[in-house]
């Protein structure tokens, strides 16, 4: 979503910028930096495309570095048992084919029968710290 919208914003500015409006903001540069469809050269569009390529390259490189480190430290995967059993059943004591109303009621009541399955925070003992067990 952000890549597509931001890309279109940069391309649209390079195509549709009106010289008189650009002049109001940047005082005297409207003749050189207006949109391609308003009679200017492609300099504005070209500069915007270079910026777009730099931004996509930077974000791609930074994302790759973070995900490579997270993968190396095994922070992106769940445990083997949790993967086999399924996260719904493991953390919420809830099969994925249950009725939505039943699941909502159990989440509201906090799994009184099995407090360790209420949430990962409750299983670690952080429930009171995070305010998850308020009102019990």
C-alpha atoms as a PDB file:
ATOM      1  CA  UNK A   1       0.000   0.000   0.000  1.00  0.00           C
ATOM      2  CA  UNK A   2       2.655   2.543   0.990  1.00  0.00           C
ATOM      3  CA  UNK A   3       4.938   1.675  -1.912  1.00  0.00           C
ATOM      4  CA  UNK A   4       2.183   1.973  -4.518  1.00  0.00           C
ATOM      5  CA  UNK A   5       0.700   5.190  -3.116  1.00  0.00           C
ATOM      6  CA  UNK A   6       4.047   6.854  -2.559  1.00  0.00           C
ATOM      7  CA  UNK A   7       5.283   5.819  -6.006  1.00  0.00           C
ATOM      8  CA  UNK A   8       2.186   7.235  -7.649  1.00  0.00           C
ATOM      9  CA  UNK A   9       2.593  10.477  -5.689  1.00  0.00           C
ATOM     10  CA  UNK A  10       6.152  10.909  -6.949  1.00  0.00           C
ATOM     11  CA  UNK A  11       5.266  10.063 -10.550  1.00  0.00           C
ATOM     12  CA  UNK A  12       2.150  12.265 -10.492  1.00  0.00           C
ATOM     13  CA  UNK A  13       4.149  15.230  -9.171  1.00  0.00           C
ATOM     14  CA  UNK A  14       6.648  14.764 -11.982  1.00  0.00           C
ATOM     15  CA  UNK A  15       3.841  14.710 -14.543  1.00  0.00           C
ATOM     16  CA  UNK A  16       1.204  17.151 -13.317  1.00  0.00           C
ATOM     17  CA  UNK A  17       2.971  19.957 -11.390  1.00  0.00           C
ATOM     18  CA  UNK A  18       1.667  23.318 -12.610  1.00  0.00           C
ATOM     19  CA  UNK A  19       4.461  25.917 -13.158  1.00  0.00           C
ATOM     20  CA  UNK A  20       2.562  28.803 -11.533  1.00  0.00           C
ATOM     21  CA  UNK A  21       1.842  26.812  -8.353  1.00  0.00           C
ATOM     22  CA  UNK A  22       5.431  25.587  -8.148  1.00  0.00           C
ATOM     23  CA  UNK A  23       6.550  29.211  -8.562  1.00  0.00           C
ATOM     24  CA  UNK A  24       4.462  30.317  -5.576  1.00  0.00           C
ATOM     25  CA  UNK A  25       6.263  27.916  -3.266  1.00  0.00           C
ATOM     26  CA  UNK A  26       9.791  27.873  -4.690  1.00  0.00           C
ATOM     27  CA  UNK A  27      10.005  31.452  -6.096  1.00  0.00           C
ATOM     28  CA  UNK A  28      11.170  31.519  -9.680  1.00  0.00           C
ATOM     29  CA  UNK A  29      11.854  27.846 -10.271  1.00  0.00           C
ATOM     30  CA  UNK A  30       8.492  26.973 -11.834  1.00  0.00           C
ATOM     31  CA  UNK A  31       9.816  27.231 -15.386  1.00  0.00           C
ATOM     32  CA  UNK A  32      12.440  24.535 -14.770  1.00  0.00           C
ATOM     33  CA  UNK A  33      10.742  22.198 -12.296  1.00  0.00           C
ATOM     34  CA  UNK A  34       7.173  21.760 -13.449  1.00  0.00           C
ATOM     35  CA  UNK A  35       5.462  18.601 -14.604  1.00  0.00           C
ATOM     36  CA  UNK A  36       6.247  16.908 -17.891  1.00  0.00           C
ATOM     37  CA  UNK A  37       2.672  17.356 -19.149  1.00  0.00           C
ATOM     38  CA  UNK A  38       2.840  21.126 -18.521  1.00  0.00           C
ATOM     39  CA  UNK A  39       5.645  21.793 -20.954  1.00  0.00           C
ATOM     40  CA  UNK A  40       8.741  21.284 -18.810  1.00  0.00           C
ATOM     41  CA  UNK A  41      11.554  18.893 -19.425  1.00  0.00           C
ATOM     42  CA  UNK A  42      11.606  15.522 -17.747  1.00  0.00           C
ATOM     43  CA  UNK A  43      14.012  16.762 -15.052  1.00  0.00           C
ATOM     44  CA  UNK A  44      11.397  16.800 -12.269  1.00  0.00           C
ATOM     45  CA  UNK A  45      10.058  13.374 -13.215  1.00  0.00           C
ATOM     46  CA  UNK A  46      13.602  12.017 -13.507  1.00  0.00           C
ATOM     47  CA  UNK A  47      14.598  13.369 -10.099  1.00  0.00           C
ATOM     48  CA  UNK A  48      11.480  11.866  -8.540  1.00  0.00           C
ATOM     49  CA  UNK A  49      12.201   8.471 -10.145  1.00  0.00           C
ATOM     50  CA  UNK A  50      15.804   8.555  -8.883  1.00  0.00           C
ATOM     51  CA  UNK A  51      14.502   9.329  -5.392  1.00  0.00           C
ATOM     52  CA  UNK A  52      11.991   6.468  -5.670  1.00  0.00           C
ATOM     53  CA  UNK A  53      14.730   4.027  -6.693  1.00  0.00           C
ATOM     54  CA  UNK A  54      16.937   5.171  -3.797  1.00  0.00           C
ATOM     55  CA  UNK A  55      14.088   4.824  -1.281  1.00  0.00           C
ATOM     56  CA  UNK A  56      13.109   1.351  -2.522  1.00  0.00           C
ATOM     57  CA  UNK A  57      16.759   0.279  -2.482  1.00  0.00           C
ATOM     58  CA  UNK A  58      17.340   1.577   1.049  1.00  0.00           C
ATOM     59  CA  UNK A  59      14.170   0.022   2.469  1.00  0.00           C
ATOM     60  CA  UNK A  60      14.851  -3.258   0.683  1.00  0.00           C
ATOM     61  CA  UNK A  61      18.417  -3.443   1.964  1.00  0.00           C
ATOM     62  CA  UNK A  62      17.476  -2.493   5.529  1.00  0.00           C
ATOM     63  CA  UNK A  63      14.586  -4.990   5.557  1.00  0.00           C
ATOM     64  CA  UNK A  64      16.779  -7.765   4.189  1.00  0.00           C
ATOM     65  CA  UNK A  65      19.425  -7.082   6.868  1.00  0.00           C
ATOM     66  CA  UNK A  66      16.876  -7.121   9.698  1.00  0.00           C
ATOM     67  CA  UNK A  67      15.130 -10.256   8.507  1.00  0.00           C
ATOM     68  CA  UNK A  68      18.448 -12.027   7.920  1.00  0.00           C
ATOM     69  CA  UNK A  69      19.472 -11.302  11.516  1.00  0.00           C
ATOM     70  CA  UNK A  70      16.080 -12.322  12.892  1.00  0.00           C
ATOM     71  CA  UNK A  71      16.230 -15.545  10.904  1.00  0.00           C
ATOM     72  CA  UNK A  72      19.740 -16.277  12.129  1.00  0.00           C
ATOM     73  CA  UNK A  73      18.670 -15.737  15.744  1.00  0.00           C
ATOM     74  CA  UNK A  74      15.549 -17.892  15.137  1.00  0.00           C
ATOM     75  CA  UNK A  75      13.170 -15.069  16.055  1.00  0.00           C
ATOM     76  CA  UNK A  76      10.922 -15.467  13.018  1.00  0.00           C
ATOM     77  CA  UNK A  77       9.696 -19.007  13.681  1.00  0.00           C
ATOM     78  CA  UNK A  78       7.597 -20.642  16.331  1.00  0.00           C
ATOM     79  CA  UNK A  79       8.613 -23.848  18.044  1.00  0.00           C
ATOM     80  CA  UNK A  80       8.201 -27.223  16.311  1.00  0.00           C
ATOM     81  CA  UNK A  81       5.415 -28.388  18.661  1.00  0.00           C
ATOM     82  CA  UNK A  82       3.503 -25.123  18.235  1.00  0.00           C
ATOM     83  CA  UNK A  83       3.847 -25.464  14.483  1.00  0.00           C
ATOM     84  CA  UNK A  84       2.495 -29.011  14.484  1.00  0.00           C
ATOM     85  CA  UNK A  85      -0.367 -28.399  16.912  1.00  0.00           C
ATOM     86  CA  UNK A  86      -1.292 -24.946  15.616  1.00  0.00           C
ATOM     87  CA  UNK A  87      -1.169 -21.575  17.343  1.00  0.00           C
ATOM     88  CA  UNK A  88      -4.926 -21.315  17.917  1.00  0.00           C
ATOM     89  CA  UNK A  89      -4.982 -24.521  19.901  1.00  0.00           C
ATOM     90  CA  UNK A  90      -1.623 -23.930  21.577  1.00  0.00           C
ATOM     91  CA  UNK A  91      -2.168 -20.383  22.848  1.00  0.00           C
ATOM     92  CA  UNK A  92      -5.937 -20.004  22.958  1.00  0.00           C
ATOM     93  CA  UNK A  93      -7.087 -23.591  23.538  1.00  0.00           C
ATOM     94  CA  UNK A  94      -9.290 -22.993  20.520  1.00  0.00           C
ATOM     95  CA  UNK A  95      -9.690 -25.093  17.394  1.00  0.00           C
ATOM     96  CA  UNK A  96      -9.844 -22.977  14.211  1.00  0.00           C
ATOM     97  CA  UNK A  97     -13.250 -24.393  13.171  1.00  0.00           C
ATOM     98  CA  UNK A  98     -15.130 -23.247  16.287  1.00  0.00           C
ATOM     99  CA  UNK A  99     -18.024 -20.842  16.176  1.00  0.00           C
ATOM    100  CA  UNK A 100     -16.942 -17.187  16.292  1.00  0.00           C
ATOM    101  CA  UNK A 101     -19.338 -16.421  19.158  1.00  0.00           C
ATOM    102  CA  UNK A 102     -17.817 -19.157  21.321  1.00  0.00           C
ATOM    103  CA  UNK A 103     -14.325 -17.879  20.610  1.00  0.00           C
ATOM    104  CA  UNK A 104     -15.318 -14.300  21.463  1.00  0.00           C
ATOM    105  CA  UNK A 105     -16.958 -15.419  24.722  1.00  0.00           C
ATOM    106  CA  UNK A 106     -13.880 -17.382  25.763  1.00  0.00           C
ATOM    107  CA  UNK A 107     -11.608 -14.459  24.990  1.00  0.00           C
ATOM    108  CA  UNK A 108     -13.862 -12.165  27.036  1.00  0.00           C
ATOM    109  CA  UNK A 109     -13.916 -14.490  30.033  1.00  0.00           C
ATOM    110  CA  UNK A 110     -10.181 -15.130  29.900  1.00  0.00           C
ATOM    111  CA  UNK A 111     -10.110 -18.955  29.864  1.00  0.00           C
ATOM    112  CA  UNK A 112     -10.820 -19.400  33.574  1.00  0.00           C
ATOM    113  CA  UNK A 113     -10.390 -23.159  33.285  1.00  0.00           C
ATOM    114  CA  UNK A 114      -6.885 -22.963  31.843  1.00  0.00           C
ATOM    115  CA  UNK A 115      -5.114 -19.698  32.770  1.00  0.00           C
ATOM    116  CA  UNK A 116      -1.849 -20.813  31.169  1.00  0.00           C
ATOM    117  CA  UNK A 117      -3.579 -20.960  27.773  1.00  0.00           C
ATOM    118  CA  UNK A 118      -5.157 -17.506  28.045  1.00  0.00           C
ATOM    119  CA  UNK A 119      -2.320 -15.724  26.278  1.00  0.00           C
ATOM    120  CA  UNK A 120       1.434 -15.923  25.836  1.00  0.00           C
ATOM    121  CA  UNK A 121       1.785 -13.147  28.418  1.00  0.00           C
ATOM    122  CA  UNK A 122      -0.221 -15.123  30.974  1.00  0.00           C
ATOM    123  CA  UNK A 123       1.829 -18.252  30.291  1.00  0.00           C
ATOM    124  CA  UNK A 124       5.007 -16.313  31.074  1.00  0.00           C
ATOM    125  CA  UNK A 125       3.433 -14.706  34.127  1.00  0.00           C
ATOM    126  CA  UNK A 126       3.218 -11.183  32.740  1.00  0.00           C
ATOM    127  CA  UNK A 127      -0.553 -10.969  33.021  1.00  0.00           C
ATOM    128  CA  UNK A 128      -0.596  -8.747  36.086  1.00  0.00           C
ATOM    129  CA  UNK A 129       2.200  -6.567  34.728  1.00  0.00           C
ATOM    130  CA  UNK A 130       0.346  -5.975  31.444  1.00  0.00           C
ATOM    131  CA  UNK A 131      -3.055  -5.644  33.102  1.00  0.00           C
ATOM    132  CA  UNK A 132      -4.434  -8.757  31.388  1.00  0.00           C
ATOM    133  CA  UNK A 133      -5.802 -10.297  34.550  1.00  0.00           C
ATOM    134  CA  UNK A 134      -7.525  -7.183  35.911  1.00  0.00           C
ATOM    135  CA  UNK A 135     -10.906  -7.894  37.430  1.00  0.00           C
ATOM    136  CA  UNK A 136     -10.302 -11.579  38.159  1.00  0.00           C
END
